[in-house]
């Protein structure tokens, strides 16, 4: 999995851009996107997810490491990271469902991030 560079981590999270990508991905159920459009959106989502995962992990590391909440967040982030390891279109889900799942993971990460920073 590609991780954002340290320089990228210092850039503030653009919640509006991420939310726009999520909305576009979830809108694919109402249309028939091309495989290329799905792959491009998946790539965007992967970048957002990788960035949010890194920021969330750094935030979780600062919290009480043995708290139930931190353990729950860490487990969910581990699951999302495992899903990122699979190349687009090579999982068990059809490509459109795969993009929807990645969008939902991104949505979950963004919601937790924005709740913590008071967006």
PDB file of N, CA and C in Angstrom:
ATOM      1  N   UNK A   1       0.841  -1.180   0.000  1.00  0.00           N
ATOM      2  CA  UNK A   1       0.000   0.000   0.000  1.00  0.00           C
ATOM      3  C   UNK A   1       0.879   1.233   0.000  1.00  0.00           C
ATOM      4  N   UNK A   2       0.501   2.216  -0.793  1.00  0.00           N
ATOM      5  CA  UNK A   2       1.244   3.460  -0.819  1.00  0.00           C
ATOM      6  C   UNK A   2       0.831   4.302   0.370  1.00  0.00           C
ATOM      7  N   UNK A   3       1.826   4.799   1.060  1.00  0.00           N
ATOM      8  CA  UNK A   3       1.562   5.703   2.173  1.00  0.00           C
ATOM      9  C   UNK A   3       1.903   7.109   1.720  1.00  0.00           C
ATOM     10  N   UNK A   4       1.208   8.100   2.263  1.00  0.00           N
ATOM     11  CA  UNK A   4       1.525   9.467   1.893  1.00  0.00           C
ATOM     12  C   UNK A   4       2.923   9.836   2.383  1.00  0.00           C
ATOM     13  N   UNK A   5       3.581  10.716   1.648  1.00  0.00           N
ATOM     14  CA  UNK A   5       4.899  11.161   2.083  1.00  0.00           C
ATOM     15  C   UNK A   5       4.750  12.040   3.311  1.00  0.00           C
ATOM     16  N   UNK A   6       5.851  12.228   4.037  1.00  0.00           N
ATOM     17  CA  UNK A   6       5.808  13.076   5.235  1.00  0.00           C
ATOM     18  C   UNK A   6       5.383  14.492   4.887  1.00  0.00           C
ATOM     19  N   UNK A   7       5.779  14.978   3.714  1.00  0.00           N
ATOM     20  CA  UNK A   7       5.369  16.316   3.302  1.00  0.00           C
ATOM     21  C   UNK A   7       3.856  16.385   3.132  1.00  0.00           C
ATOM     22  N   UNK A   8       3.252  15.333   2.617  1.00  0.00           N
ATOM     23  CA  UNK A   8       1.801  15.294   2.423  1.00  0.00           C
ATOM     24  C   UNK A   8       1.076  15.299   3.755  1.00  0.00           C
ATOM     25  N   UNK A   9       1.673  14.679   4.761  1.00  0.00           N
ATOM     26  CA  UNK A   9       1.007  14.580   6.052  1.00  0.00           C
ATOM     27  C   UNK A   9       0.857  15.927   6.740  1.00  0.00           C
ATOM     28  N   UNK A  10       1.691  16.899   6.367  1.00  0.00           N
ATOM     29  CA  UNK A  10       1.611  18.215   6.974  1.00  0.00           C
ATOM     30  C   UNK A  10       0.532  19.085   6.339  1.00  0.00           C
ATOM     31  N   UNK A  11      -0.011  18.630   5.196  1.00  0.00           N
ATOM     32  CA  UNK A  11      -1.064  19.369   4.513  1.00  0.00           C
ATOM     33  C   UNK A  11      -2.385  19.080   5.217  1.00  0.00           C
ATOM     34  N   UNK A  12      -3.185  20.120   5.482  1.00  0.00           N
ATOM     35  CA  UNK A  12      -4.474  19.861   6.144  1.00  0.00           C
ATOM     36  C   UNK A  12      -5.372  18.969   5.289  1.00  0.00           C
ATOM     37  N   UNK A  13      -6.203  18.191   5.943  1.00  0.00           N
ATOM     38  CA  UNK A  13      -7.156  17.321   5.251  1.00  0.00           C
ATOM     39  C   UNK A  13      -8.205  18.207   4.585  1.00  0.00           C
ATOM     40  N   UNK A  14      -8.427  18.017   3.295  1.00  0.00           N
ATOM     41  CA  UNK A  14      -9.445  18.759   2.560  1.00  0.00           C
ATOM     42  C   UNK A  14     -10.738  17.938   2.592  1.00  0.00           C
ATOM     43  N   UNK A  15     -11.500  18.128   3.649  1.00  0.00           N
ATOM     44  CA  UNK A  15     -12.713  17.338   3.867  1.00  0.00           C
ATOM     45  C   UNK A  15     -13.722  17.511   2.736  1.00  0.00           C
ATOM     46  N   UNK A  16     -13.796  18.689   2.145  1.00  0.00           N
ATOM     47  CA  UNK A  16     -14.764  18.919   1.066  1.00  0.00           C
ATOM     48  C   UNK A  16     -14.410  18.104  -0.179  1.00  0.00           C
ATOM     49  N   UNK A  17     -13.134  18.068  -0.531  1.00  0.00           N
ATOM     50  CA  UNK A  17     -12.703  17.285  -1.693  1.00  0.00           C
ATOM     51  C   UNK A  17     -12.948  15.800  -1.452  1.00  0.00           C
ATOM     52  N   UNK A  18     -12.614  15.337  -0.255  1.00  0.00           N
ATOM     53  CA  UNK A  18     -12.830  13.928   0.078  1.00  0.00           C
ATOM     54  C   UNK A  18     -14.325  13.604   0.027  1.00  0.00           C
ATOM     55  N   UNK A  19     -15.142  14.466   0.598  1.00  0.00           N
ATOM     56  CA  UNK A  19     -16.595  14.244   0.597  1.00  0.00           C
ATOM     57  C   UNK A  19     -17.146  14.228  -0.828  1.00  0.00           C
ATOM     58  N   UNK A  20     -16.619  15.082  -1.707  1.00  0.00           N
ATOM     59  CA  UNK A  20     -17.052  15.091  -3.111  1.00  0.00           C
ATOM     60  C   UNK A  20     -16.712  13.769  -3.796  1.00  0.00           C
ATOM     61  N   UNK A  21     -15.522  13.252  -3.534  1.00  0.00           N
ATOM     62  CA  UNK A  21     -15.122  11.966  -4.117  1.00  0.00           C
ATOM     63  C   UNK A  21     -16.026  10.849  -3.606  1.00  0.00           C
ATOM     64  N   UNK A  22     -16.342  10.864  -2.325  1.00  0.00           N
ATOM     65  CA  UNK A  22     -17.228   9.853  -1.735  1.00  0.00           C
ATOM     66  C   UNK A  22     -18.608   9.915  -2.390  1.00  0.00           C
ATOM     67  N   UNK A  23     -19.157  11.130  -2.525  1.00  0.00           N
ATOM     68  CA  UNK A  23     -20.481  11.293  -3.145  1.00  0.00           C
ATOM     69  C   UNK A  23     -20.490  10.774  -4.584  1.00  0.00           C
ATOM     70  N   UNK A  24     -19.434  11.084  -5.324  1.00  0.00           N
ATOM     71  CA  UNK A  24     -19.344  10.620  -6.715  1.00  0.00           C
ATOM     72  C   UNK A  24     -19.305   9.095  -6.756  1.00  0.00           C
ATOM     73  N   UNK A  25     -18.500   8.496  -5.884  1.00  0.00           N
ATOM     74  CA  UNK A  25     -18.373   7.033  -5.854  1.00  0.00           C
ATOM     75  C   UNK A  25     -19.692   6.372  -5.481  1.00  0.00           C
ATOM     76  N   UNK A  26     -20.384   6.917  -4.503  1.00  0.00           N
ATOM     77  CA  UNK A  26     -21.647   6.322  -4.074  1.00  0.00           C
ATOM     78  C   UNK A  26     -22.756   6.553  -5.101  1.00  0.00           C
ATOM     79  N   UNK A  27     -22.590   7.538  -5.965  1.00  0.00           N
ATOM     80  CA  UNK A  27     -23.562   7.806  -7.022  1.00  0.00           C
ATOM     81  C   UNK A  27     -23.465   6.840  -8.184  1.00  0.00           C
ATOM     82  N   UNK A  28     -22.439   6.015  -8.204  1.00  0.00           N
ATOM     83  CA  UNK A  28     -22.271   5.067  -9.302  1.00  0.00           C
ATOM     84  C   UNK A  28     -23.390   4.032  -9.359  1.00  0.00           C
ATOM     85  N   UNK A  29     -24.128   3.853  -8.299  1.00  0.00           N
ATOM     86  CA  UNK A  29     -25.236   2.910  -8.327  1.00  0.00           C
ATOM     87  C   UNK A  29     -26.357   3.376  -9.243  1.00  0.00           C
ATOM     88  N   UNK A  30     -26.457   4.682  -9.461  1.00  0.00           N
ATOM     89  CA  UNK A  30     -27.514   5.241 -10.295  1.00  0.00           C
ATOM     90  C   UNK A  30     -27.098   5.339 -11.766  1.00  0.00           C
ATOM     91  N   UNK A  31     -25.832   5.074 -12.040  1.00  0.00           N
ATOM     92  CA  UNK A  31     -25.343   5.146 -13.415  1.00  0.00           C
ATOM     93  C   UNK A  31     -24.507   3.904 -13.730  1.00  0.00           C
ATOM     94  N   UNK A  32     -24.060   3.811 -14.945  1.00  0.00           N
ATOM     95  CA  UNK A  32     -23.202   2.692 -15.358  1.00  0.00           C
ATOM     96  C   UNK A  32     -21.834   3.263 -15.728  1.00  0.00           C
ATOM     97  N   UNK A  33     -20.983   3.445 -14.740  1.00  0.00           N
ATOM     98  CA  UNK A  33     -19.668   4.012 -15.040  1.00  0.00           C
ATOM     99  C   UNK A  33     -18.798   3.003 -15.786  1.00  0.00           C
ATOM    100  N   UNK A  34     -17.862   3.530 -16.550  1.00  0.00           N
ATOM    101  CA  UNK A  34     -16.913   2.655 -17.243  1.00  0.00           C
ATOM    102  C   UNK A  34     -15.924   2.089 -16.220  1.00  0.00           C
ATOM    103  N   UNK A  35     -15.266   1.028 -16.589  1.00  0.00           N
ATOM    104  CA  UNK A  35     -14.254   0.436 -15.709  1.00  0.00           C
ATOM    105  C   UNK A  35     -13.149   1.453 -15.426  1.00  0.00           C
ATOM    106  N   UNK A  36     -12.808   2.261 -16.437  1.00  0.00           N
ATOM    107  CA  UNK A  36     -11.778   3.289 -16.268  1.00  0.00           C
ATOM    108  C   UNK A  36     -12.216   4.334 -15.229  1.00  0.00           C
ATOM    109  N   UNK A  37     -13.484   4.743 -15.301  1.00  0.00           N
ATOM    110  CA  UNK A  37     -14.003   5.721 -14.336  1.00  0.00           C
ATOM    111  C   UNK A  37     -13.998   5.132 -12.925  1.00  0.00           C
ATOM    112  N   UNK A  38     -14.376   3.862 -12.798  1.00  0.00           N
ATOM    113  CA  UNK A  38     -14.332   3.193 -11.500  1.00  0.00           C
ATOM    114  C   UNK A  38     -12.898   3.112 -10.975  1.00  0.00           C
ATOM    115  N   UNK A  39     -11.974   2.744 -11.863  1.00  0.00           N
ATOM    116  CA  UNK A  39     -10.568   2.624 -11.453  1.00  0.00           C
ATOM    117  C   UNK A  39     -10.001   3.978 -11.031  1.00  0.00           C
ATOM    118  N   UNK A  40     -10.334   5.031 -11.760  1.00  0.00           N
ATOM    119  CA  UNK A  40      -9.855   6.371 -11.402  1.00  0.00           C
ATOM    120  C   UNK A  40     -10.404   6.815 -10.047  1.00  0.00           C
ATOM    121  N   UNK A  41     -11.682   6.569  -9.827  1.00  0.00           N
ATOM    122  CA  UNK A  41     -12.298   6.935  -8.556  1.00  0.00           C
ATOM    123  C   UNK A  41     -11.722   6.101  -7.418  1.00  0.00           C
ATOM    124  N   UNK A  42     -11.499   4.811  -7.681  1.00  0.00           N
ATOM    125  CA  UNK A  42     -10.892   3.950  -6.676  1.00  0.00           C
ATOM    126  C   UNK A  42      -9.508   4.463  -6.300  1.00  0.00           C
ATOM    127  N   UNK A  43      -8.743   4.905  -7.291  1.00  0.00           N
ATOM    128  CA  UNK A  43      -7.411   5.433  -7.018  1.00  0.00           C
ATOM    129  C   UNK A  43      -7.484   6.690  -6.145  1.00  0.00           C
ATOM    130  N   UNK A  44      -8.427   7.580  -6.441  1.00  0.00           N
ATOM    131  CA  UNK A  44      -8.617   8.775  -5.614  1.00  0.00           C
ATOM    132  C   UNK A  44      -8.979   8.385  -4.181  1.00  0.00           C
ATOM    133  N   UNK A  45      -9.930   7.454  -4.061  1.00  0.00           N
ATOM    134  CA  UNK A  45     -10.352   7.012  -2.729  1.00  0.00           C
ATOM    135  C   UNK A  45      -9.197   6.380  -1.961  1.00  0.00           C
ATOM    136  N   UNK A  46      -8.386   5.593  -2.646  1.00  0.00           N
ATOM    137  CA  UNK A  46      -7.222   4.970  -2.000  1.00  0.00           C
ATOM    138  C   UNK A  46      -6.291   6.027  -1.420  1.00  0.00           C
ATOM    139  N   UNK A  47      -6.077   7.099  -2.166  1.00  0.00           N
ATOM    140  CA  UNK A  47      -5.233   8.187  -1.668  1.00  0.00           C
ATOM    141  C   UNK A  47      -5.831   8.841  -0.437  1.00  0.00           C
ATOM    142  N   UNK A  48      -7.137   9.109  -0.489  1.00  0.00           N
ATOM    143  CA  UNK A  48      -7.816   9.709   0.663  1.00  0.00           C
ATOM    144  C   UNK A  48      -7.754   8.783   1.876  1.00  0.00           C
ATOM    145  N   UNK A  49      -8.029   7.500   1.639  1.00  0.00           N
ATOM    146  CA  UNK A  49      -8.031   6.525   2.735  1.00  0.00           C
ATOM    147  C   UNK A  49      -6.639   6.423   3.358  1.00  0.00           C
ATOM    148  N   UNK A  50      -5.613   6.340   2.527  1.00  0.00           N
ATOM    149  CA  UNK A  50      -4.240   6.230   3.046  1.00  0.00           C
ATOM    150  C   UNK A  50      -3.883   7.442   3.899  1.00  0.00           C
ATOM    151  N   UNK A  51      -4.241   8.626   3.438  1.00  0.00           N
ATOM    152  CA  UNK A  51      -3.959   9.848   4.190  1.00  0.00           C
ATOM    153  C   UNK A  51      -4.727   9.862   5.510  1.00  0.00           C
ATOM    154  N   UNK A  52      -6.022   9.570   5.445  1.00  0.00           N
ATOM    155  CA  UNK A  52      -6.844   9.569   6.659  1.00  0.00           C
ATOM    156  C   UNK A  52      -6.395   8.492   7.640  1.00  0.00           C
ATOM    157  N   UNK A  53      -6.038   7.317   7.133  1.00  0.00           N
ATOM    158  CA  UNK A  53      -5.559   6.254   8.013  1.00  0.00           C
ATOM    159  C   UNK A  53      -4.317   6.698   8.774  1.00  0.00           C
ATOM    160  N   UNK A  54      -3.386   7.318   8.067  1.00  0.00           N
ATOM    161  CA  UNK A  54      -2.152   7.738   8.726  1.00  0.00           C
ATOM    162  C   UNK A  54      -2.428   8.784   9.802  1.00  0.00           C
ATOM    163  N   UNK A  55      -3.256   9.760   9.469  1.00  0.00           N
ATOM    164  CA  UNK A  55      -3.595  10.813  10.441  1.00  0.00           C
ATOM    165  C   UNK A  55      -4.336  10.208  11.633  1.00  0.00           C
ATOM    166  N   UNK A  56      -5.281   9.316  11.362  1.00  0.00           N
ATOM    167  CA  UNK A  56      -6.046   8.685  12.447  1.00  0.00           C
ATOM    168  C   UNK A  56      -5.146   7.828  13.340  1.00  0.00           C
ATOM    169  N   UNK A  57      -4.206   7.110  12.739  1.00  0.00           N
ATOM    170  CA  UNK A  57      -3.296   6.270  13.538  1.00  0.00           C
ATOM    171  C   UNK A  57      -2.419   7.140  14.436  1.00  0.00           C
ATOM    172  N   UNK A  58      -1.935   8.255  13.903  1.00  0.00           N
ATOM    173  CA  UNK A  58      -1.126   9.148  14.737  1.00  0.00           C
ATOM    174  C   UNK A  58      -1.958   9.734  15.868  1.00  0.00           C
ATOM    175  N   UNK A  59      -3.204  10.055  15.604  1.00  0.00           N
ATOM    176  CA  UNK A  59      -4.094  10.577  16.631  1.00  0.00           C
ATOM    177  C   UNK A  59      -4.389   9.515  17.681  1.00  0.00           C
ATOM    178  N   UNK A  60      -4.665   8.290  17.220  1.00  0.00           N
ATOM    179  CA  UNK A  60      -4.969   7.186  18.145  1.00  0.00           C
ATOM    180  C   UNK A  60      -3.763   6.871  19.023  1.00  0.00           C
ATOM    181  N   UNK A  61      -2.561   7.017  18.480  1.00  0.00           N
ATOM    182  CA  UNK A  61      -1.351   6.717  19.253  1.00  0.00           C
ATOM    183  C   UNK A  61      -1.183   7.692  20.416  1.00  0.00           C
ATOM    184  N   UNK A  62      -1.746   8.875  20.278  1.00  0.00           N
ATOM    185  CA  UNK A  62      -1.641   9.878  21.344  1.00  0.00           C
ATOM    186  C   UNK A  62      -2.686   9.664  22.439  1.00  0.00           C
ATOM    187  N   UNK A  63      -3.705   8.888  22.147  1.00  0.00           N
ATOM    188  CA  UNK A  63      -4.767   8.626  23.117  1.00  0.00           C
ATOM    189  C   UNK A  63      -4.336   7.503  24.046  1.00  0.00           C
ATOM    190  N   UNK A  64      -5.149   7.179  24.984  1.00  0.00           N
ATOM    191  CA  UNK A  64      -4.838   6.073  25.889  1.00  0.00           C
ATOM    192  C   UNK A  64      -4.795   4.782  25.083  1.00  0.00           C
ATOM    193  N   UNK A  65      -3.618   4.138  24.975  1.00  0.00           N
ATOM    194  CA  UNK A  65      -3.484   2.981  24.097  1.00  0.00           C
ATOM    195  C   UNK A  65      -4.311   1.768  24.521  1.00  0.00           C
ATOM    196  N   UNK A  66      -4.683   1.660  25.744  1.00  0.00           N
ATOM    197  CA  UNK A  66      -5.425   0.489  26.217  1.00  0.00           C
ATOM    198  C   UNK A  66      -6.922   0.747  26.372  1.00  0.00           C
ATOM    199  N   UNK A  67      -7.392   1.909  25.905  1.00  0.00           N
ATOM    200  CA  UNK A  67      -8.814   2.194  26.031  1.00  0.00           C
ATOM    201  C   UNK A  67      -9.606   1.374  25.013  1.00  0.00           C
ATOM    202  N   UNK A  68     -10.857   1.084  25.342  1.00  0.00           N
ATOM    203  CA  UNK A  68     -11.726   0.326  24.436  1.00  0.00           C
ATOM    204  C   UNK A  68     -11.890   1.065  23.110  1.00  0.00           C
ATOM    205  N   UNK A  69     -12.096   2.366  23.176  1.00  0.00           N
ATOM    206  CA  UNK A  69     -12.305   3.150  21.956  1.00  0.00           C
ATOM    207  C   UNK A  69     -11.085   3.066  21.035  1.00  0.00           C
ATOM    208  N   UNK A  70      -9.901   3.221  21.593  1.00  0.00           N
ATOM    209  CA  UNK A  70      -8.685   3.160  20.785  1.00  0.00           C
ATOM    210  C   UNK A  70      -8.503   1.778  20.185  1.00  0.00           C
ATOM    211  N   UNK A  71      -8.779   0.743  20.946  1.00  0.00           N
ATOM    212  CA  UNK A  71      -8.661  -0.623  20.426  1.00  0.00           C
ATOM    213  C   UNK A  71      -9.665  -0.869  19.300  1.00  0.00           C
ATOM    214  N   UNK A  72     -10.886  -0.372  19.466  1.00  0.00           N
ATOM    215  CA  UNK A  72     -11.916  -0.521  18.438  1.00  0.00           C
ATOM    216  C   UNK A  72     -11.505   0.219  17.154  1.00  0.00           C
ATOM    217  N   UNK A  73     -11.051   1.462  17.299  1.00  0.00           N
ATOM    218  CA  UNK A  73     -10.615   2.237  16.139  1.00  0.00           C
ATOM    219  C   UNK A  73      -9.451   1.554  15.428  1.00  0.00           C
ATOM    220  N   UNK A  74      -8.499   1.063  16.203  1.00  0.00           N
ATOM    221  CA  UNK A  74      -7.331   0.403  15.621  1.00  0.00           C
ATOM    222  C   UNK A  74      -7.735  -0.842  14.849  1.00  0.00           C
ATOM    223  N   UNK A  75      -8.647  -1.614  15.395  1.00  0.00           N
ATOM    224  CA  UNK A  75      -9.104  -2.831  14.707  1.00  0.00           C
ATOM    225  C   UNK A  75      -9.786  -2.477  13.387  1.00  0.00           C
ATOM    226  N   UNK A  76     -10.641  -1.485  13.403  1.00  0.00           N
ATOM    227  CA  UNK A  76     -11.341  -1.077  12.172  1.00  0.00           C
ATOM    228  C   UNK A  76     -10.344  -0.524  11.151  1.00  0.00           C
ATOM    229  N   UNK A  77      -9.368   0.267  11.604  1.00  0.00           N
ATOM    230  CA  UNK A  77      -8.367   0.799  10.684  1.00  0.00           C
ATOM    231  C   UNK A  77      -7.525  -0.324  10.082  1.00  0.00           C
ATOM    232  N   UNK A  78      -7.219  -1.344  10.871  1.00  0.00           N
ATOM    233  CA  UNK A  78      -6.478  -2.504  10.363  1.00  0.00           C
ATOM    234  C   UNK A  78      -7.265  -3.202   9.255  1.00  0.00           C
ATOM    235  N   UNK A  79      -8.578  -3.337   9.439  1.00  0.00           N
ATOM    236  CA  UNK A  79      -9.426  -3.975   8.421  1.00  0.00           C
ATOM    237  C   UNK A  79      -9.424  -3.161   7.124  1.00  0.00           C
ATOM    238  N   UNK A  80      -9.523  -1.856   7.249  1.00  0.00           N
ATOM    239  CA  UNK A  80      -9.524  -0.981   6.072  1.00  0.00           C
ATOM    240  C   UNK A  80      -8.177  -1.079   5.362  1.00  0.00           C
ATOM    241  N   UNK A  81      -7.105  -1.093   6.129  1.00  0.00           N
ATOM    242  CA  UNK A  81      -5.772  -1.193   5.534  1.00  0.00           C
ATOM    243  C   UNK A  81      -5.577  -2.517   4.803  1.00  0.00           C
ATOM    244  N   UNK A  82      -6.119  -3.586   5.351  1.00  0.00           N
ATOM    245  CA  UNK A  82      -6.032  -4.891   4.689  1.00  0.00           C
ATOM    246  C   UNK A  82      -6.756  -4.864   3.346  1.00  0.00           C
ATOM    247  N   UNK A  83      -7.890  -4.180   3.298  1.00  0.00           N
ATOM    248  CA  UNK A  83      -8.629  -4.086   2.038  1.00  0.00           C
ATOM    249  C   UNK A  83      -7.866  -3.273   0.990  1.00  0.00           C
ATOM    250  N   UNK A  84      -7.077  -2.302   1.438  1.00  0.00           N
ATOM    251  CA  UNK A  84      -6.279  -1.502   0.509  1.00  0.00           C
ATOM    252  C   UNK A  84      -5.186  -2.330  -0.165  1.00  0.00           C
ATOM    253  N   UNK A  85      -4.794  -3.402   0.477  1.00  0.00           N
ATOM    254  CA  UNK A  85      -3.715  -4.235  -0.069  1.00  0.00           C
ATOM    255  C   UNK A  85      -4.137  -4.973  -1.339  1.00  0.00           C
ATOM    256  N   UNK A  86      -5.425  -5.114  -1.574  1.00  0.00           N
ATOM    257  CA  UNK A  86      -5.922  -5.829  -2.745  1.00  0.00           C
ATOM    258  C   UNK A  86      -6.037  -4.869  -3.922  1.00  0.00           C
ATOM    259  N   UNK A  87      -5.423  -5.198  -5.064  1.00  0.00           N
ATOM    260  CA  UNK A  87      -5.526  -4.337  -6.250  1.00  0.00           C
ATOM    261  C   UNK A  87      -6.978  -4.217  -6.722  1.00  0.00           C
ATOM    262  N   UNK A  88      -7.294  -3.094  -7.317  1.00  0.00           N
ATOM    263  CA  UNK A  88      -8.641  -2.849  -7.818  1.00  0.00           C
ATOM    264  C   UNK A  88      -9.042  -3.917  -8.831  1.00  0.00           C
ATOM    265  N   UNK A  89     -10.263  -4.406  -8.670  1.00  0.00           N
ATOM    266  CA  UNK A  89     -10.825  -5.357  -9.621  1.00  0.00           C
ATOM    267  C   UNK A  89     -10.360  -6.786  -9.454  1.00  0.00           C
ATOM    268  N   UNK A  90      -9.593  -7.071  -8.412  1.00  0.00           N
ATOM    269  CA  UNK A  90      -9.101  -8.431  -8.224  1.00  0.00           C
ATOM    270  C   UNK A  90      -9.625  -9.052  -6.934  1.00  0.00           C
ATOM    271  N   UNK A  91     -10.594  -8.409  -6.310  1.00  0.00           N
ATOM    272  CA  UNK A  91     -11.194  -8.961  -5.099  1.00  0.00           C
ATOM    273  C   UNK A  91     -12.418  -9.785  -5.435  1.00  0.00           C
ATOM    274  N   UNK A  92     -13.161 -10.166  -4.417  1.00  0.00           N
ATOM    275  CA  UNK A  92     -14.352 -10.986  -4.625  1.00  0.00           C
ATOM    276  C   UNK A  92     -15.566 -10.137  -5.027  1.00  0.00           C
ATOM    277  N   UNK A  93     -15.533  -8.849  -4.762  1.00  0.00           N
ATOM    278  CA  UNK A  93     -16.655  -7.976  -5.111  1.00  0.00           C
ATOM    279  C   UNK A  93     -16.533  -7.495  -6.557  1.00  0.00           C
ATOM    280  N   UNK A  94     -17.668  -7.250  -7.214  1.00  0.00           N
ATOM    281  CA  UNK A  94     -17.612  -6.621  -8.534  1.00  0.00           C
ATOM    282  C   UNK A  94     -17.002  -5.216  -8.388  1.00  0.00           C
ATOM    283  N   UNK A  95     -16.382  -4.688  -9.439  1.00  0.00           N
ATOM    284  CA  UNK A  95     -15.697  -3.390  -9.334  1.00  0.00           C
ATOM    285  C   UNK A  95     -16.554  -2.257  -8.762  1.00  0.00           C
ATOM    286  N   UNK A  96     -17.819  -2.156  -9.160  1.00  0.00           N
ATOM    287  CA  UNK A  96     -18.666  -1.073  -8.637  1.00  0.00           C
ATOM    288  C   UNK A  96     -18.885  -1.232  -7.133  1.00  0.00           C
ATOM    289  N   UNK A  97     -19.129  -2.455  -6.681  1.00  0.00           N
ATOM    290  CA  UNK A  97     -19.321  -2.705  -5.247  1.00  0.00           C
ATOM    291  C   UNK A  97     -18.027  -2.456  -4.481  1.00  0.00           C
ATOM    292  N   UNK A  98     -16.917  -2.754  -5.106  1.00  0.00           N
ATOM    293  CA  UNK A  98     -15.617  -2.516  -4.474  1.00  0.00           C
ATOM    294  C   UNK A  98     -15.401  -1.019  -4.244  1.00  0.00           C
ATOM    295  N   UNK A  99     -15.741  -0.211  -5.239  1.00  0.00           N
ATOM    296  CA  UNK A  99     -15.613   1.247  -5.103  1.00  0.00           C
ATOM    297  C   UNK A  99     -16.570   1.754  -4.035  1.00  0.00           C
ATOM    298  N   UNK A 100     -17.787   1.220  -3.981  1.00  0.00           N
ATOM    299  CA  UNK A 100     -18.742   1.615  -2.940  1.00  0.00           C
ATOM    300  C   UNK A 100     -18.184   1.294  -1.551  1.00  0.00           C
ATOM    301  N   UNK A 101     -17.607   0.098  -1.396  1.00  0.00           N
ATOM    302  CA  UNK A 101     -17.049  -0.295  -0.098  1.00  0.00           C
ATOM    303  C   UNK A 101     -15.907   0.644   0.304  1.00  0.00           C
ATOM    304  N   UNK A 102     -15.036   0.964  -0.650  1.00  0.00           N
ATOM    305  CA  UNK A 102     -13.932   1.865  -0.348  1.00  0.00           C
ATOM    306  C   UNK A 102     -14.468   3.254   0.017  1.00  0.00           C
ATOM    307  N   UNK A 103     -15.527   3.687  -0.668  1.00  0.00           N
ATOM    308  CA  UNK A 103     -16.135   4.983  -0.352  1.00  0.00           C
ATOM    309  C   UNK A 103     -16.714   4.970   1.062  1.00  0.00           C
ATOM    310  N   UNK A 104     -17.348   3.877   1.460  1.00  0.00           N
ATOM    311  CA  UNK A 104     -17.897   3.768   2.831  1.00  0.00           C
ATOM    312  C   UNK A 104     -16.776   3.774   3.871  1.00  0.00           C
ATOM    313  N   UNK A 105     -15.669   3.085   3.571  1.00  0.00           N
ATOM    314  CA  UNK A 105     -14.519   3.110   4.486  1.00  0.00           C
ATOM    315  C   UNK A 105     -13.977   4.532   4.609  1.00  0.00           C
ATOM    316  N   UNK A 106     -13.872   5.213   3.490  1.00  0.00           N
ATOM    317  CA  UNK A 106     -13.381   6.588   3.478  1.00  0.00           C
ATOM    318  C   UNK A 106     -14.342   7.500   4.251  1.00  0.00           C
ATOM    319  N   UNK A 107     -15.618   7.266   4.068  1.00  0.00           N
ATOM    320  CA  UNK A 107     -16.640   8.038   4.766  1.00  0.00           C
ATOM    321  C   UNK A 107     -16.512   7.854   6.278  1.00  0.00           C
ATOM    322  N   UNK A 108     -16.287   6.620   6.718  1.00  0.00           N
ATOM    323  CA  UNK A 108     -16.123   6.324   8.143  1.00  0.00           C
ATOM    324  C   UNK A 108     -14.885   7.037   8.696  1.00  0.00           C
ATOM    325  N   UNK A 109     -13.778   6.951   7.969  1.00  0.00           N
ATOM    326  CA  UNK A 109     -12.541   7.608   8.414  1.00  0.00           C
ATOM    327  C   UNK A 109     -12.719   9.125   8.477  1.00  0.00           C
ATOM    328  N   UNK A 110     -13.350   9.687   7.456  1.00  0.00           N
ATOM    329  CA  UNK A 110     -13.561  11.132   7.430  1.00  0.00           C
ATOM    330  C   UNK A 110     -14.459  11.579   8.578  1.00  0.00           C
ATOM    331  N   UNK A 111     -15.508  10.816   8.852  1.00  0.00           N
ATOM    332  CA  UNK A 111     -16.411  11.159   9.954  1.00  0.00           C
ATOM    333  C   UNK A 111     -15.661  11.148  11.293  1.00  0.00           C
ATOM    334  N   UNK A 112     -14.838  10.159  11.512  1.00  0.00           N
ATOM    335  CA  UNK A 112     -14.072  10.104  12.764  1.00  0.00           C
ATOM    336  C   UNK A 112     -13.032  11.206  12.826  1.00  0.00           C
ATOM    337  N   UNK A 113     -12.421  11.495  11.724  1.00  0.00           N
ATOM    338  CA  UNK A 113     -11.414  12.563  11.689  1.00  0.00           C
ATOM    339  C   UNK A 113     -12.067  13.921  11.979  1.00  0.00           C
ATOM    340  N   UNK A 114     -13.155  14.211  11.268  1.00  0.00           N
ATOM    341  CA  UNK A 114     -13.793  15.518  11.446  1.00  0.00           C
ATOM    342  C   UNK A 114     -14.400  15.667  12.838  1.00  0.00           C
ATOM    343  N   UNK A 115     -14.858  14.589  13.425  1.00  0.00           N
ATOM    344  CA  UNK A 115     -15.393  14.653  14.789  1.00  0.00           C
ATOM    345  C   UNK A 115     -14.296  15.007  15.787  1.00  0.00           C
ATOM    346  N   UNK A 116     -13.083  14.577  15.511  1.00  0.00           N
ATOM    347  CA  UNK A 116     -11.968  14.816  16.425  1.00  0.00           C
ATOM    348  C   UNK A 116     -11.382  16.221  16.276  1.00  0.00           C
ATOM    349  N   UNK A 117     -11.432  16.776  15.084  1.00  0.00           N
ATOM    350  CA  UNK A 117     -10.823  18.078  14.876  1.00  0.00           C
ATOM    351  C   UNK A 117     -11.842  19.216  14.882  1.00  0.00           C
ATOM    352  N   UNK A 118     -13.114  18.883  15.068  1.00  0.00           N
ATOM    353  CA  UNK A 118     -14.147  19.917  15.149  1.00  0.00           C
ATOM    354  C   UNK A 118     -14.364  20.657  13.843  1.00  0.00           C
ATOM    355  N   UNK A 119     -14.465  19.889  12.752  1.00  0.00           N
ATOM    356  CA  UNK A 119     -14.659  20.439  11.412  1.00  0.00           C
ATOM    357  C   UNK A 119     -15.815  21.329  11.407  1.00  0.00           C
TER     358      UNK A 119
END
